[in-house]
Amino acid sequence: MYDAIVIGARCAGSPTAMLLARKGYKVLMLDRSSFPSDTVSTHIILPPGMLKLKQWGLADKVKATGPTRIRRVGFDLGAFTLIGSPPPIDGTSEVVSPRRTYLDNILVDAAIEAGVELRENCIFEDVLTENDRVTGIRYRTKDGVTLTEKAKIVIGADGRNSMVAHKVNAQEYNTKPKLTCWYYSYWSGLPLEDMIMYSRPNRAIGSVPTNDGLTCIISIAPAHEFLQLRNDIEGNYMKSIEMAFPLAQMVKQGKREERITGMTDVPNFFRKSFGPGWALVGDAAYHKDPITGQGISDSFTRAETLVDAIDLGLSGKENLESALARYERERDEEVMPMYEFTAEWASLAPPTPEQEFLFNALRDNQEATDRFIGTICGTVPIPEFFAPENIQKVLGVPVQ
């Protein structure tokens, strides 16, 4: 009998399991993959995520794998580029983009070191229930053997297409339609240290320095163009890059080192994230378009808040479901501004006249530009930056 079983061992699952084990709980963690292994991902860690890694004693291990330290974050609007560094959060302003092969392996190792029992190459099949309460899981090993395990709580950290969420019938809410489709690959020979998003008509093109001297080059298009794009993936990918001068000039001097990967299943939703004997975390609990690169940092933050709630419940300090209800409620309140902000960016719509006015004002105001960059990077609250009195200040309009 385990205190907790965690399904999924990547950016939400391993930290959740690790933190529970560090509090003394007996934890089993399952994943359908073995580690190290890659997965489809933006693999950006923003300052709030780096802060968690520092607090957990893992930041130096991640940086030791050699990802290029991202100096600045920028938005190329065609006529000009807004570029800067986010203000720090609790002394941390780092942005790092490690390949998931490195990052996930560090997280898995940290969970094992904390005492978590890991079972790789295992496919979750269903939850076990007694009197409408989840009491464990049924799963299948790589050898085809079906096994069961019991636990006080089962945690789904198995991504946006979570089987745990499906099996417990976790209802979705605050949903939005799929907005984008993505294609990306990795290039060598690009002398880049900044992370830049190029905004173009019906396109966004991203350049993200990562490990091994490579840069991830991303093409983002409206979701409704997917069928058209997949008829010539490479050709359409390169056409998008051609729209992003001067990136296109650098790409001509570089070399694509890996195949082009597609990411077309990018829904926007919240899910009911707890119930009798179960909880969800990471992309299984809520998911938004990856265009703002929030996924990994969000997963780290929510893993910690979920573990705090579970600890209150399992220790008897508070009713478990009451603690989990607060976890869900506080999460929704905290992430909703970024959820709406992300959907606006993912629409790939041209700037409104009001936005153009703001961007032009930011162009000559580095301090305000840094704070705008901070809204994306999670170090400046979105409601704070976009408060009318702050926007008036940025625009040079006297505050009434």
Protein backbone atom coordinates (compact mmCIF):
# COMPACT_ATOMS: atom_id res chain seq x y z
CA MET A 1 0.00 0.00 0.00
CA TYR A 2 1.43 3.32 -1.11
CA ASP A 3 0.61 6.76 0.17
CA ALA A 4 0.56 8.04 -3.41
CA ILE A 5 0.84 6.68 -6.93
CA VAL A 6 1.92 9.16 -9.61
CA ILE A 7 1.14 8.40 -13.24
CA GLY A 8 3.66 10.20 -15.45
CA ALA A 9 7.30 10.92 -14.62
CA ARG A 10 8.13 14.06 -16.54
CA CYS A 11 7.91 17.75 -15.56
CA ALA A 12 4.80 17.46 -13.41
CA GLY A 13 5.06 13.87 -12.19
CA SER A 14 8.67 13.64 -11.02
CA PRO A 15 8.60 16.86 -8.95
CA THR A 16 5.28 15.82 -7.39
CA ALA A 17 6.64 12.39 -6.49
CA MET A 18 9.96 13.81 -5.31
CA LEU A 19 8.37 16.40 -3.03
CA LEU A 20 5.99 13.85 -1.51
CA ALA A 21 8.87 11.46 -0.87
CA ARG A 22 10.92 14.24 0.70
CA LYS A 23 8.05 14.71 3.15
CA GLY A 24 8.33 11.05 4.10
CA TYR A 25 5.53 9.53 2.02
CA LYS A 26 5.77 6.17 0.26
CA VAL A 27 5.42 6.93 -3.45
CA LEU A 28 5.20 4.81 -6.60
CA MET A 29 5.71 6.52 -9.97
CA LEU A 30 4.90 4.95 -13.34
CA ASP A 31 5.66 6.07 -16.88
CA ARG A 32 5.09 4.51 -20.28
CA SER A 33 8.58 5.63 -21.33
CA SER A 34 12.05 4.85 -20.04
CA PHE A 35 14.60 7.52 -19.19
CA PRO A 36 16.46 9.38 -20.54
CA SER A 37 14.10 10.02 -23.46
CA ASP A 38 12.79 12.97 -25.42
CA THR A 39 9.22 14.24 -25.75
CA VAL A 40 7.43 16.90 -27.76
CA SER A 41 7.88 20.13 -25.84
CA THR A 42 8.79 23.82 -25.95
CA HIS A 43 11.34 22.98 -23.17
CA ILE A 44 11.57 26.59 -21.90
CA ILE A 45 12.04 27.13 -18.17
CA LEU A 46 11.07 30.67 -17.15
CA PRO A 47 12.29 32.38 -13.95
CA PRO A 48 9.52 30.97 -11.69
CA GLY A 49 10.52 27.49 -12.84
CA MET A 50 14.22 28.16 -12.32
CA LEU A 51 13.39 29.45 -8.83
CA LYS A 52 11.73 26.12 -8.00
CA LEU A 53 14.72 24.19 -9.33
CA LYS A 54 17.01 26.28 -7.13
CA GLN A 55 14.83 25.67 -4.09
CA TRP A 56 14.86 21.93 -4.82
CA GLY A 57 18.64 21.87 -5.29
CA LEU A 58 18.43 20.95 -8.98
CA ALA A 59 19.17 24.18 -10.87
CA ASP A 60 22.93 23.65 -11.05
CA LYS A 61 22.42 20.11 -12.36
CA VAL A 62 20.17 21.39 -15.14
CA LYS A 63 22.60 24.18 -16.09
CA ALA A 64 25.51 21.71 -16.01
CA THR A 65 23.98 19.88 -18.99
CA GLY A 66 25.09 22.87 -21.04
CA PRO A 67 22.02 24.69 -22.38
CA THR A 68 22.86 28.11 -23.77
CA ARG A 69 22.05 30.70 -21.11
CA ILE A 70 19.42 32.89 -22.69
CA ARG A 71 20.56 36.49 -22.25
CA ARG A 72 17.43 38.30 -23.35
CA VAL A 73 13.88 37.68 -24.53
CA GLY A 74 12.49 39.58 -27.48
CA PHE A 75 9.50 40.14 -29.74
CA ASP A 76 10.26 41.10 -33.31
CA LEU A 77 7.27 43.03 -34.63
CA GLY A 78 8.69 43.54 -38.12
CA ALA A 79 9.40 47.27 -37.96
CA PHE A 80 11.29 46.91 -34.67
CA THR A 81 12.08 44.45 -31.87
CA LEU A 82 11.16 44.78 -28.21
CA ILE A 83 13.93 43.02 -26.34
CA GLY A 84 14.97 42.92 -22.72
CA SER A 85 15.43 40.94 -19.54
CA PRO A 86 12.61 40.18 -17.10
CA PRO A 87 12.81 41.70 -13.62
CA PRO A 88 13.85 39.03 -11.12
CA ILE A 89 11.45 37.05 -8.95
CA ASP A 90 13.00 36.38 -5.53
CA GLY A 91 16.39 37.14 -7.07
CA THR A 92 15.94 34.86 -10.09
CA SER A 93 15.63 36.16 -13.66
CA GLU A 94 17.23 33.25 -15.56
CA VAL A 95 15.59 31.73 -18.62
CA VAL A 96 16.97 28.34 -19.66
CA SER A 97 15.81 25.94 -22.36
CA PRO A 98 17.24 22.44 -21.76
CA ARG A 99 16.33 19.51 -23.98
CA ARG A 100 13.85 17.23 -22.29
CA THR A 101 16.23 14.30 -22.59
CA TYR A 102 18.44 16.05 -20.03
CA LEU A 103 15.82 17.79 -17.89
CA ASP A 104 13.43 14.90 -17.38
CA ASN A 105 16.25 12.54 -16.50
CA ILE A 106 17.47 14.93 -13.79
CA LEU A 107 13.94 15.16 -12.38
CA VAL A 108 13.48 11.38 -12.43
CA ASP A 109 16.84 10.81 -10.72
CA ALA A 110 15.94 13.37 -8.05
CA ALA A 111 12.67 11.55 -7.38
CA ILE A 112 14.45 8.21 -7.07
CA GLU A 113 17.07 9.75 -4.78
CA ALA A 114 14.24 11.01 -2.57
CA GLY A 115 12.94 7.45 -2.23
CA VAL A 116 10.36 7.20 -5.01
CA GLU A 117 9.90 3.77 -6.58
CA LEU A 118 9.96 4.13 -10.39
CA ARG A 119 8.49 1.64 -12.83
CA GLU A 120 9.30 2.44 -16.44
CA ASN A 121 7.68 1.14 -19.65
CA CYS A 122 4.39 0.65 -17.82
CA ILE A 123 1.05 1.63 -19.31
CA PHE A 124 -1.69 2.84 -16.99
CA GLU A 125 -5.00 1.16 -17.84
CA ASP A 126 -7.57 2.07 -15.20
CA VAL A 127 -8.22 3.18 -11.65
CA LEU A 128 -9.43 0.84 -8.94
CA THR A 129 -12.42 2.04 -6.93
CA GLU A 130 -14.28 1.14 -3.76
CA ASN A 131 -17.53 2.92 -2.87
CA ASP A 132 -16.91 5.51 -5.60
CA ARG A 133 -13.45 6.34 -4.24
CA VAL A 134 -10.24 5.73 -6.17
CA THR A 135 -8.09 3.30 -4.24
CA GLY A 136 -5.40 2.30 -6.72
CA ILE A 137 -4.53 1.49 -10.32
CA ARG A 138 -4.33 -1.29 -12.86
CA TYR A 139 -1.43 -1.16 -15.30
CA ARG A 140 0.42 -3.28 -17.88
CA THR A 141 4.17 -3.88 -18.02
CA LYS A 142 6.24 -3.98 -21.19
CA ASP A 143 6.03 -7.77 -21.00
CA GLY A 144 2.24 -7.62 -21.17
CA VAL A 145 1.69 -8.53 -17.52
CA THR A 146 -1.28 -6.81 -15.85
CA LEU A 147 -0.73 -5.70 -12.25
CA THR A 148 -2.52 -3.64 -9.61
CA GLU A 149 -1.35 -1.39 -6.79
CA LYS A 150 -3.22 0.38 -4.00
CA ALA A 151 -2.70 3.92 -2.69
CA LYS A 152 -4.34 6.59 -0.56
CA ILE A 153 -4.29 8.92 -3.56
CA VAL A 154 -3.66 8.49 -7.30
CA ILE A 155 -2.19 11.49 -9.12
CA GLY A 156 -2.50 11.96 -12.87
CA ALA A 157 0.55 13.76 -14.24
CA ASP A 158 0.19 12.17 -17.66
CA GLY A 159 -0.23 15.19 -19.89
CA ARG A 160 -2.99 16.97 -21.75
CA ASN A 161 -4.43 13.66 -23.03
CA SER A 162 -4.43 12.24 -19.51
CA MET A 163 -5.81 8.72 -19.20
CA VAL A 164 -6.24 9.27 -15.47
CA ALA A 165 -8.47 12.27 -16.19
CA HIS A 166 -10.42 10.17 -18.67
CA LYS A 167 -10.91 7.29 -16.26
CA VAL A 168 -12.14 9.48 -13.40
CA ASN A 169 -14.30 11.51 -15.83
CA ALA A 170 -12.66 14.82 -14.94
CA GLN A 171 -14.85 17.48 -16.54
CA GLU A 172 -13.38 20.29 -18.61
CA TYR A 173 -14.32 23.95 -18.21
CA ASN A 174 -13.19 27.38 -19.43
CA THR A 175 -12.34 25.68 -22.71
CA LYS A 176 -11.23 27.51 -25.83
CA PRO A 177 -10.84 26.15 -29.38
CA LYS A 178 -7.47 24.96 -30.61
CA LEU A 179 -5.73 28.01 -31.96
CA THR A 180 -2.38 26.96 -33.42
CA CYS A 181 -0.35 24.14 -34.92
CA TRP A 182 3.42 23.89 -34.55
CA TYR A 183 6.42 22.55 -36.44
CA TYR A 184 9.95 22.75 -35.11
CA SER A 185 13.45 21.37 -35.50
CA TYR A 186 16.99 21.90 -34.24
CA TRP A 187 19.72 23.78 -36.07
CA SER A 188 23.47 24.04 -35.61
CA GLY A 189 25.67 26.93 -36.65
CA LEU A 190 23.39 29.71 -35.42
CA PRO A 191 25.20 32.22 -33.15
CA LEU A 192 22.16 33.01 -30.99
CA GLU A 193 21.95 33.75 -27.27
CA ASP A 194 18.59 35.52 -27.20
CA MET A 195 15.14 33.92 -27.35
CA ILE A 196 13.13 35.77 -29.98
CA MET A 197 9.53 35.45 -31.16
CA TYR A 198 8.89 36.94 -34.59
CA SER A 199 5.31 38.15 -35.10
CA ARG A 200 4.22 37.99 -38.73
CA PRO A 201 0.84 37.86 -40.53
CA ASN A 202 -0.84 34.60 -39.40
CA ARG A 203 2.52 33.30 -38.20
CA ALA A 204 4.85 33.32 -35.25
CA ILE A 205 8.42 32.10 -35.64
CA GLY A 206 10.53 31.37 -32.60
CA SER A 207 14.25 30.87 -32.04
CA VAL A 208 15.26 29.24 -28.75
CA PRO A 209 18.90 28.36 -27.94
CA THR A 210 19.22 24.99 -26.21
CA ASN A 211 21.80 22.25 -25.51
CA ASP A 212 24.71 20.99 -27.62
CA GLY A 213 25.11 24.22 -29.57
CA LEU A 214 21.67 23.83 -31.15
CA THR A 215 18.84 26.29 -31.62
CA CYS A 216 15.21 25.22 -31.76
CA ILE A 217 13.48 27.01 -34.64
CA ILE A 218 9.68 26.97 -34.38
CA SER A 219 6.97 27.78 -36.92
CA ILE A 220 3.52 28.47 -35.48
CA ALA A 221 0.47 28.75 -37.73
CA PRO A 222 -3.32 28.94 -37.26
CA ALA A 223 -4.83 25.56 -36.43
CA HIS A 224 -7.15 25.69 -39.45
CA GLU A 225 -4.11 25.60 -41.78
CA PHE A 226 -2.91 22.22 -40.49
CA LEU A 227 -4.21 20.10 -43.37
CA GLN A 228 -2.67 22.47 -45.90
CA LEU A 229 0.69 22.64 -44.10
CA ARG A 230 1.13 18.89 -43.72
CA ASN A 231 1.01 18.41 -47.51
CA ASP A 232 4.53 19.87 -47.62
CA ILE A 233 5.82 20.09 -44.08
CA GLU A 234 9.41 20.99 -44.89
CA GLY A 235 8.54 23.46 -47.61
CA ASN A 236 5.96 25.28 -45.51
CA TYR A 237 8.24 25.26 -42.47
CA MET A 238 10.99 26.95 -44.47
CA LYS A 239 8.53 29.45 -45.97
CA SER A 240 7.58 30.52 -42.47
CA ILE A 241 11.21 30.99 -41.49
CA GLU A 242 11.75 33.15 -44.60
CA MET A 243 9.27 35.62 -43.08
CA ALA A 244 11.55 36.18 -40.08
CA PHE A 245 14.43 38.37 -41.20
CA PRO A 246 17.25 38.34 -39.97
CA LEU A 247 16.70 34.81 -38.63
CA ALA A 248 16.21 33.51 -42.17
CA GLN A 249 19.66 34.78 -43.18
CA MET A 250 21.29 32.94 -40.26
CA VAL A 251 19.37 29.74 -40.96
CA LYS A 252 20.81 29.72 -44.50
CA GLN A 253 24.28 29.49 -42.94
CA GLY A 254 23.24 26.81 -40.45
CA LYS A 255 22.33 23.15 -40.69
CA ARG A 256 19.18 21.35 -39.65
CA GLU A 257 20.31 18.46 -37.44
CA GLU A 258 17.02 16.66 -36.70
CA ARG A 259 13.73 15.87 -38.37
CA ILE A 260 10.89 18.39 -38.26
CA THR A 261 8.51 17.61 -35.39
CA GLY A 262 4.84 18.54 -35.49
CA MET A 263 2.66 19.54 -32.56
CA THR A 264 -0.95 19.84 -33.61
CA ASP A 265 -2.88 18.79 -30.51
CA VAL A 266 -2.76 22.01 -28.48
CA PRO A 267 -6.11 22.41 -26.72
CA ASN A 268 -6.99 25.06 -24.16
CA PHE A 269 -8.88 23.87 -21.07
CA PHE A 270 -9.13 23.54 -17.32
CA ARG A 271 -10.11 20.22 -15.79
CA LYS A 272 -11.71 19.32 -12.52
CA SER A 273 -8.47 18.45 -10.75
CA PHE A 274 -9.46 16.43 -7.71
CA GLY A 275 -12.00 13.95 -6.44
CA PRO A 276 -12.28 11.10 -3.93
CA GLY A 277 -8.84 9.50 -3.92
CA TRP A 278 -7.45 11.27 -7.00
CA ALA A 279 -5.87 14.50 -8.23
CA LEU A 280 -4.42 15.95 -11.44
CA VAL A 281 -1.34 18.12 -11.94
CA GLY A 282 0.52 19.73 -14.84
CA ASP A 283 -0.95 19.56 -18.34
CA ALA A 284 -3.39 16.90 -17.14
CA ALA A 285 -5.00 19.52 -14.89
CA TYR A 286 -5.04 22.48 -17.25
CA HIS A 287 -3.47 23.24 -20.59
CA LYS A 288 -2.99 26.30 -22.74
CA ASP A 289 -1.35 27.00 -26.06
CA PRO A 290 2.46 26.71 -25.77
CA ILE A 291 3.10 30.08 -27.43
CA THR A 292 3.99 31.74 -24.12
CA GLY A 293 6.20 28.83 -23.00
CA GLN A 294 4.60 28.47 -19.58
CA GLY A 295 4.14 24.69 -19.38
CA ILE A 296 7.26 23.51 -17.53
CA SER A 297 7.35 26.37 -15.04
CA ASP A 298 3.63 25.97 -14.37
CA SER A 299 4.11 22.25 -13.77
CA PHE A 300 6.83 22.90 -11.21
CA THR A 301 4.75 25.48 -9.35
CA ARG A 302 1.58 23.38 -9.33
CA ALA A 303 3.45 20.26 -8.25
CA GLU A 304 4.55 22.10 -5.13
CA THR A 305 1.10 23.48 -4.31
CA LEU A 306 -0.53 20.09 -4.91
CA VAL A 307 1.97 18.36 -2.62
CA ASP A 308 1.28 20.92 0.11
CA ALA A 309 -2.45 20.18 -0.17
CA ILE A 310 -1.95 16.41 -0.15
CA ASP A 311 0.36 16.67 2.86
CA LEU A 312 -2.29 18.59 4.80
CA GLY A 313 -4.82 15.88 3.99
CA LEU A 314 -2.72 12.76 4.51
CA SER A 315 -1.21 14.13 7.75
CA GLY A 316 -4.69 14.73 9.18
CA LYS A 317 -4.18 18.49 9.55
CA GLU A 318 -7.06 19.19 7.17
CA ASN A 319 -9.71 17.30 5.27
CA LEU A 320 -7.98 16.07 2.10
CA GLU A 321 -10.74 17.06 -0.30
CA SER A 322 -11.02 20.53 1.27
CA ALA A 323 -7.28 21.04 0.80
CA LEU A 324 -7.48 19.82 -2.80
CA ALA A 325 -10.45 22.09 -3.51
CA ARG A 326 -8.38 25.07 -2.35
CA TYR A 327 -5.47 23.90 -4.55
CA GLU A 328 -7.77 23.92 -7.58
CA ARG A 329 -9.45 27.22 -6.71
CA GLU A 330 -6.21 29.09 -6.07
CA ARG A 331 -4.65 27.67 -9.22
CA ASP A 332 -7.55 28.88 -11.35
CA GLU A 333 -7.35 32.37 -9.87
CA GLU A 334 -3.58 32.59 -10.30
CA VAL A 335 -3.30 31.30 -13.86
CA MET A 336 -6.42 32.80 -15.46
CA PRO A 337 -4.74 36.10 -16.51
CA MET A 338 -1.97 34.18 -18.30
CA TYR A 339 -4.52 31.77 -19.79
CA GLU A 340 -6.40 34.68 -21.41
CA PHE A 341 -3.18 36.48 -22.37
CA THR A 342 -1.87 33.31 -24.03
CA ALA A 343 -5.07 32.83 -26.02
CA GLU A 344 -4.78 36.39 -27.29
CA TRP A 345 -1.20 35.81 -28.48
CA ALA A 346 -2.11 32.43 -29.97
CA SER A 347 -4.80 34.00 -32.13
CA LEU A 348 -1.90 35.26 -34.30
CA ALA A 349 -4.01 38.34 -35.01
CA PRO A 350 -2.26 41.56 -36.05
CA PRO A 351 -1.80 44.11 -33.25
CA THR A 352 -4.76 46.33 -32.57
CA PRO A 353 -4.22 50.10 -32.87
CA GLU A 354 -4.07 50.27 -29.07
CA GLN A 355 -1.41 47.55 -28.97
CA GLU A 356 0.62 49.27 -31.68
CA PHE A 357 0.49 52.49 -29.67
CA LEU A 358 1.73 50.61 -26.58
CA PHE A 359 4.50 48.80 -28.46
CA ASN A 360 5.75 52.05 -29.95
CA ALA A 361 5.84 53.58 -26.48
CA LEU A 362 7.76 50.59 -25.13
CA ARG A 363 10.27 50.92 -27.96
CA ASP A 364 11.95 53.91 -26.27
CA ASN A 365 11.44 52.79 -22.65
CA GLN A 366 13.76 49.94 -21.65
CA GLU A 367 12.51 49.72 -18.08
CA ALA A 368 8.92 49.32 -19.23
CA THR A 369 10.01 46.90 -21.96
CA ASP A 370 11.73 44.74 -19.34
CA ARG A 371 8.52 44.72 -17.31
CA PHE A 372 6.52 43.78 -20.41
CA ILE A 373 8.96 40.91 -21.00
CA GLY A 374 8.38 40.03 -17.35
CA THR A 375 4.67 39.49 -17.99
CA ILE A 376 5.55 36.70 -20.42
CA CYS A 377 8.29 35.32 -18.20
CA GLY A 378 6.10 35.20 -15.11
CA THR A 379 7.93 37.75 -12.99
CA VAL A 380 5.51 40.67 -13.43
CA PRO A 381 1.78 40.04 -12.83
CA ILE A 382 -0.22 40.66 -15.99
CA PRO A 383 -2.99 42.61 -14.19
CA GLU A 384 -0.31 44.83 -12.63
CA PHE A 385 1.38 45.71 -15.92
CA PHE A 386 -1.85 46.22 -17.84
CA ALA A 387 -3.54 48.23 -15.09
CA PRO A 388 -4.87 51.48 -16.64
CA GLU A 389 -2.66 53.67 -14.47
CA ASN A 390 0.48 51.77 -15.54
CA ILE A 391 -0.44 51.85 -19.23
CA GLN A 392 -1.07 55.58 -18.95
CA LYS A 393 2.36 55.98 -17.37
CA VAL A 394 4.04 53.99 -20.17
CA LEU A 395 2.19 56.02 -22.81
CA GLY A 396 3.13 59.28 -21.13
CA VAL A 397 -0.49 60.15 -20.47
CA PRO A 398 -1.12 62.07 -17.22
CA VAL A 399 -2.89 59.87 -14.69
CA GLN A 400 -6.21 61.40 -13.70
